């Protein structure tokens, strides 16, 4: 099922049709646990800051979701990590923006494909302060850089089916 979602994600547009991105799939329990620890560390920092001084979008629903994932990240069966090929550190802003803008449609396409198959995903970035360590834990080439996403894939309950399309005329 994950492979089907990845095949659909590969059809996403990317700048100059270069596809300077790839996905890393982490299923190994030890690697998932190590990535989860890095993510949890960032999630706990986020929660501490948000609970001390909440921003306008940091409502209880959002914070509850973060708390839940902090407590359960070790149970996530698959980590699907969108990565860009090569480092963009020190590159001019337009080059970096183009690279990130190219991987995001693929990641979003993966997430939509997963949703239609009854899988849930979450767009997260709490591991990024320790991104280089995450690259080592996940196992992609050292020249890769993790995008601002670590999509976690879990089965959703039957109550969380995709909503019906409602069109007003």
C-alpha atoms as a PDB file:
ATOM      1  CA  UNK A   1       0.000   0.000   0.000  1.00  0.00           C
ATOM      2  CA  UNK A   2       2.867   2.384   0.832  1.00  0.00           C
ATOM      3  CA  UNK A   3       4.442   1.628  -2.545  1.00  0.00           C
ATOM      4  CA  UNK A   4       1.181   2.527  -4.305  1.00  0.00           C
ATOM      5  CA  UNK A   5       1.154   5.862  -2.490  1.00  0.00           C
ATOM      6  CA  UNK A   6       4.781   6.465  -3.440  1.00  0.00           C
ATOM      7  CA  UNK A   7       4.069   5.711  -7.115  1.00  0.00           C
ATOM      8  CA  UNK A   8       1.348   8.348  -7.074  1.00  0.00           C
ATOM      9  CA  UNK A   9       3.602  10.813  -5.252  1.00  0.00           C
ATOM     10  CA  UNK A  10       6.232  10.423  -7.965  1.00  0.00           C
ATOM     11  CA  UNK A  11       3.773  11.931 -10.449  1.00  0.00           C
ATOM     12  CA  UNK A  12       3.788  15.267  -8.604  1.00  0.00           C
ATOM     13  CA  UNK A  13       5.180  18.313 -10.393  1.00  0.00           C
ATOM     14  CA  UNK A  14       8.650  19.516  -9.532  1.00  0.00           C
ATOM     15  CA  UNK A  15      10.806  22.443 -10.640  1.00  0.00           C
ATOM     16  CA  UNK A  16      12.345  21.882 -14.079  1.00  0.00           C
ATOM     17  CA  UNK A  17      10.951  18.348 -13.812  1.00  0.00           C
ATOM     18  CA  UNK A  18      14.249  17.522 -12.098  1.00  0.00           C
ATOM     19  CA  UNK A  19      12.829  15.582  -9.133  1.00  0.00           C
ATOM     20  CA  UNK A  20      15.792  16.332  -6.887  1.00  0.00           C
ATOM     21  CA  UNK A  21      13.987  14.601  -4.059  1.00  0.00           C
ATOM     22  CA  UNK A  22      13.257  11.111  -2.823  1.00  0.00           C
ATOM     23  CA  UNK A  23      11.492   9.351   0.013  1.00  0.00           C
ATOM     24  CA  UNK A  24      13.146   7.314   2.731  1.00  0.00           C
ATOM     25  CA  UNK A  25      10.940   4.605   4.218  1.00  0.00           C
ATOM     26  CA  UNK A  26      11.900   3.593   7.749  1.00  0.00           C
ATOM     27  CA  UNK A  27      10.392   0.362   9.008  1.00  0.00           C
ATOM     28  CA  UNK A  28      13.224  -0.910  11.216  1.00  0.00           C
ATOM     29  CA  UNK A  29      12.082  -0.768  14.866  1.00  0.00           C
ATOM     30  CA  UNK A  30      15.385   0.569  16.224  1.00  0.00           C
ATOM     31  CA  UNK A  31      15.658   3.293  13.578  1.00  0.00           C
ATOM     32  CA  UNK A  32      12.031   4.322  14.145  1.00  0.00           C
ATOM     33  CA  UNK A  33      12.684   4.501  17.889  1.00  0.00           C
ATOM     34  CA  UNK A  34      15.788   6.659  17.373  1.00  0.00           C
ATOM     35  CA  UNK A  35      13.918   8.984  14.996  1.00  0.00           C
ATOM     36  CA  UNK A  36      11.032   9.064  17.456  1.00  0.00           C
ATOM     37  CA  UNK A  37      13.377  10.176  20.231  1.00  0.00           C
ATOM     38  CA  UNK A  38      14.668  13.057  18.089  1.00  0.00           C
ATOM     39  CA  UNK A  39      11.126  14.016  17.152  1.00  0.00           C
ATOM     40  CA  UNK A  40       9.854  13.746  20.741  1.00  0.00           C
ATOM     41  CA  UNK A  41      12.594  16.075  21.951  1.00  0.00           C
ATOM     42  CA  UNK A  42      11.426  18.750  19.491  1.00  0.00           C
ATOM     43  CA  UNK A  43       7.765  18.074  20.251  1.00  0.00           C
ATOM     44  CA  UNK A  44       8.332  18.564  23.963  1.00  0.00           C
ATOM     45  CA  UNK A  45      10.126  21.882  23.313  1.00  0.00           C
ATOM     46  CA  UNK A  46       7.223  23.000  21.134  1.00  0.00           C
ATOM     47  CA  UNK A  47       4.652  22.065  23.777  1.00  0.00           C
ATOM     48  CA  UNK A  48       6.559  23.844  26.541  1.00  0.00           C
ATOM     49  CA  UNK A  49       6.726  27.055  24.499  1.00  0.00           C
ATOM     50  CA  UNK A  50       3.111  26.813  23.290  1.00  0.00           C
ATOM     51  CA  UNK A  51       1.732  26.118  26.742  1.00  0.00           C
ATOM     52  CA  UNK A  52       3.718  29.008  28.240  1.00  0.00           C
ATOM     53  CA  UNK A  53       2.617  31.482  25.577  1.00  0.00           C
ATOM     54  CA  UNK A  54       0.128  30.027  23.047  1.00  0.00           C
ATOM     55  CA  UNK A  55       0.012  31.479  19.554  1.00  0.00           C
ATOM     56  CA  UNK A  56      -3.272  32.177  17.743  1.00  0.00           C
ATOM     57  CA  UNK A  57      -3.353  28.810  15.940  1.00  0.00           C
ATOM     58  CA  UNK A  58      -2.225  26.729  18.916  1.00  0.00           C
ATOM     59  CA  UNK A  59      -5.643  25.620  20.127  1.00  0.00           C
ATOM     60  CA  UNK A  60      -6.291  22.656  22.381  1.00  0.00           C
ATOM     61  CA  UNK A  61      -7.046  20.396  19.411  1.00  0.00           C
ATOM     62  CA  UNK A  62      -3.626  21.039  17.901  1.00  0.00           C
ATOM     63  CA  UNK A  63      -1.798  20.772  21.220  1.00  0.00           C
ATOM     64  CA  UNK A  64      -3.693  17.577  22.064  1.00  0.00           C
ATOM     65  CA  UNK A  65      -2.555  16.063  18.762  1.00  0.00           C
ATOM     66  CA  UNK A  66       1.049  16.980  19.506  1.00  0.00           C
ATOM     67  CA  UNK A  67       0.792  15.555  23.032  1.00  0.00           C
ATOM     68  CA  UNK A  68      -0.652  12.329  21.654  1.00  0.00           C
ATOM     69  CA  UNK A  69       2.144  11.924  19.128  1.00  0.00           C
ATOM     70  CA  UNK A  70       4.804  12.750  21.748  1.00  0.00           C
ATOM     71  CA  UNK A  71       3.411   9.889  23.845  1.00  0.00           C
ATOM     72  CA  UNK A  72       2.987   7.455  20.937  1.00  0.00           C
ATOM     73  CA  UNK A  73       5.672   8.239  18.337  1.00  0.00           C
ATOM     74  CA  UNK A  74       7.426   4.973  19.252  1.00  0.00           C
ATOM     75  CA  UNK A  75       4.324   3.059  18.083  1.00  0.00           C
ATOM     76  CA  UNK A  76       4.308   4.517  14.569  1.00  0.00           C
ATOM     77  CA  UNK A  77       4.820   1.547  12.209  1.00  0.00           C
ATOM     78  CA  UNK A  78       6.319   3.398   9.231  1.00  0.00           C
ATOM     79  CA  UNK A  79       8.104   6.718   8.839  1.00  0.00           C
ATOM     80  CA  UNK A  80       7.960   8.126   5.324  1.00  0.00           C
ATOM     81  CA  UNK A  81      10.511  10.912   5.057  1.00  0.00           C
ATOM     82  CA  UNK A  82      10.615  13.237   2.057  1.00  0.00           C
ATOM     83  CA  UNK A  83      14.199  14.323   1.394  1.00  0.00           C
ATOM     84  CA  UNK A  84      15.892  16.616  -1.078  1.00  0.00           C
ATOM     85  CA  UNK A  85      18.966  15.393  -2.871  1.00  0.00           C
ATOM     86  CA  UNK A  86      22.055  17.353  -1.929  1.00  0.00           C
ATOM     87  CA  UNK A  87      22.523  20.016   0.695  1.00  0.00           C
ATOM     88  CA  UNK A  88      21.168  23.523   0.166  1.00  0.00           C
ATOM     89  CA  UNK A  89      23.023  25.110   3.094  1.00  0.00           C
ATOM     90  CA  UNK A  90      24.458  28.452   1.991  1.00  0.00           C
ATOM     91  CA  UNK A  91      22.587  28.499  -1.316  1.00  0.00           C
ATOM     92  CA  UNK A  92      20.706  31.685  -2.261  1.00  0.00           C
ATOM     93  CA  UNK A  93      17.092  31.849  -1.069  1.00  0.00           C
ATOM     94  CA  UNK A  94      15.580  31.266  -4.563  1.00  0.00           C
ATOM     95  CA  UNK A  95      17.568  28.040  -4.965  1.00  0.00           C
ATOM     96  CA  UNK A  96      16.500  26.785  -1.539  1.00  0.00           C
ATOM     97  CA  UNK A  97      12.880  27.815  -2.112  1.00  0.00           C
ATOM     98  CA  UNK A  98      12.814  26.011  -5.446  1.00  0.00           C
ATOM     99  CA  UNK A  99      14.202  22.833  -3.946  1.00  0.00           C
ATOM    100  CA  UNK A 100      11.695  22.793  -1.079  1.00  0.00           C
ATOM    101  CA  UNK A 101       8.841  23.773  -3.391  1.00  0.00           C
ATOM    102  CA  UNK A 102       9.658  20.761  -5.551  1.00  0.00           C
ATOM    103  CA  UNK A 103       9.466  18.154  -2.790  1.00  0.00           C
ATOM    104  CA  UNK A 104       6.312  19.495  -1.145  1.00  0.00           C
ATOM    105  CA  UNK A 105       3.863  18.507  -3.923  1.00  0.00           C
ATOM    106  CA  UNK A 106       5.234  14.960  -3.824  1.00  0.00           C
ATOM    107  CA  UNK A 107       4.882  14.769  -0.042  1.00  0.00           C
ATOM    108  CA  UNK A 108       1.358  16.172  -0.214  1.00  0.00           C
ATOM    109  CA  UNK A 109       0.443  13.738  -3.007  1.00  0.00           C
ATOM    110  CA  UNK A 110       1.733  10.878  -0.847  1.00  0.00           C
ATOM    111  CA  UNK A 111      -0.385  12.071   2.070  1.00  0.00           C
ATOM    112  CA  UNK A 112      -3.537  12.317  -0.066  1.00  0.00           C
ATOM    113  CA  UNK A 113      -2.927   8.882  -1.578  1.00  0.00           C
ATOM    114  CA  UNK A 114      -2.459   7.429   1.905  1.00  0.00           C
ATOM    115  CA  UNK A 115      -5.674   9.037   3.097  1.00  0.00           C
ATOM    116  CA  UNK A 116      -7.697   7.495   0.264  1.00  0.00           C
ATOM    117  CA  UNK A 117      -6.390   4.103   1.366  1.00  0.00           C
ATOM    118  CA  UNK A 118      -7.413   4.552   4.989  1.00  0.00           C
ATOM    119  CA  UNK A 119      -3.959   5.535   6.246  1.00  0.00           C
ATOM    120  CA  UNK A 120      -3.334   8.652   8.276  1.00  0.00           C
ATOM    121  CA  UNK A 121      -0.320  10.902   7.993  1.00  0.00           C
ATOM    122  CA  UNK A 122       0.981  13.873   9.904  1.00  0.00           C
ATOM    123  CA  UNK A 123       3.225  16.606   8.520  1.00  0.00           C
ATOM    124  CA  UNK A 124       5.774  17.191  11.228  1.00  0.00           C
ATOM    125  CA  UNK A 125       9.112  18.941  11.575  1.00  0.00           C
ATOM    126  CA  UNK A 126      10.092  18.671  15.232  1.00  0.00           C
ATOM    127  CA  UNK A 127      13.133  16.543  14.386  1.00  0.00           C
ATOM    128  CA  UNK A 128      14.687  19.224  12.175  1.00  0.00           C
ATOM    129  CA  UNK A 129      16.833  20.958  14.826  1.00  0.00           C
ATOM    130  CA  UNK A 130      18.728  17.647  14.815  1.00  0.00           C
ATOM    131  CA  UNK A 131      18.251  16.970  11.123  1.00  0.00           C
ATOM    132  CA  UNK A 132      21.794  15.723  10.490  1.00  0.00           C
ATOM    133  CA  UNK A 133      21.396  13.120  13.250  1.00  0.00           C
ATOM    134  CA  UNK A 134      18.025  12.124  11.782  1.00  0.00           C
ATOM    135  CA  UNK A 135      19.682  11.563   8.397  1.00  0.00           C
ATOM    136  CA  UNK A 136      22.150   9.172  10.023  1.00  0.00           C
ATOM    137  CA  UNK A 137      19.363   7.364  11.917  1.00  0.00           C
ATOM    138  CA  UNK A 138      17.098   7.027   8.874  1.00  0.00           C
ATOM    139  CA  UNK A 139      19.857   5.829   6.599  1.00  0.00           C
ATOM    140  CA  UNK A 140      19.602   7.981   3.439  1.00  0.00           C
ATOM    141  CA  UNK A 141      22.815   9.184   1.801  1.00  0.00           C
ATOM    142  CA  UNK A 142      24.693  11.760   3.886  1.00  0.00           C
ATOM    143  CA  UNK A 143      24.368  14.245   1.035  1.00  0.00           C
ATOM    144  CA  UNK A 144      20.596  14.248   1.487  1.00  0.00           C
ATOM    145  CA  UNK A 145      18.724  16.678   3.642  1.00  0.00           C
ATOM    146  CA  UNK A 146      15.424  15.961   5.330  1.00  0.00           C
ATOM    147  CA  UNK A 147      12.629  18.194   4.211  1.00  0.00           C
ATOM    148  CA  UNK A 148      10.522  19.892   6.858  1.00  0.00           C
ATOM    149  CA  UNK A 149       8.438  16.787   7.054  1.00  0.00           C
ATOM    150  CA  UNK A 150       8.373  13.449   8.694  1.00  0.00           C
ATOM    151  CA  UNK A 151       5.126  11.916   7.545  1.00  0.00           C
ATOM    152  CA  UNK A 152       4.046   9.245   9.956  1.00  0.00           C
ATOM    153  CA  UNK A 153       1.752   6.577   8.617  1.00  0.00           C
ATOM    154  CA  UNK A 154      -0.830   4.864  10.828  1.00  0.00           C
ATOM    155  CA  UNK A 155      -4.165   3.192  10.219  1.00  0.00           C
ATOM    156  CA  UNK A 156      -7.119   5.440  10.897  1.00  0.00           C
ATOM    157  CA  UNK A 157     -10.289   4.348  12.608  1.00  0.00           C
ATOM    158  CA  UNK A 158     -13.352   3.691  10.460  1.00  0.00           C
ATOM    159  CA  UNK A 159     -14.798   6.979  11.720  1.00  0.00           C
ATOM    160  CA  UNK A 160     -11.987   8.896  10.003  1.00  0.00           C
ATOM    161  CA  UNK A 161     -12.867   8.027   6.427  1.00  0.00           C
ATOM    162  CA  UNK A 162     -12.321  10.627   3.720  1.00  0.00           C
ATOM    163  CA  UNK A 163     -15.173  13.108   3.658  1.00  0.00           C
ATOM    164  CA  UNK A 164     -17.637  13.228   0.796  1.00  0.00           C
ATOM    165  CA  UNK A 165     -17.260  15.932  -1.776  1.00  0.00           C
ATOM    166  CA  UNK A 166     -20.082  18.440  -1.489  1.00  0.00           C
ATOM    167  CA  UNK A 167     -20.520  20.848  -4.347  1.00  0.00           C
ATOM    168  CA  UNK A 168     -22.935  23.756  -4.168  1.00  0.00           C
ATOM    169  CA  UNK A 169     -24.446  24.892  -7.416  1.00  0.00           C
END
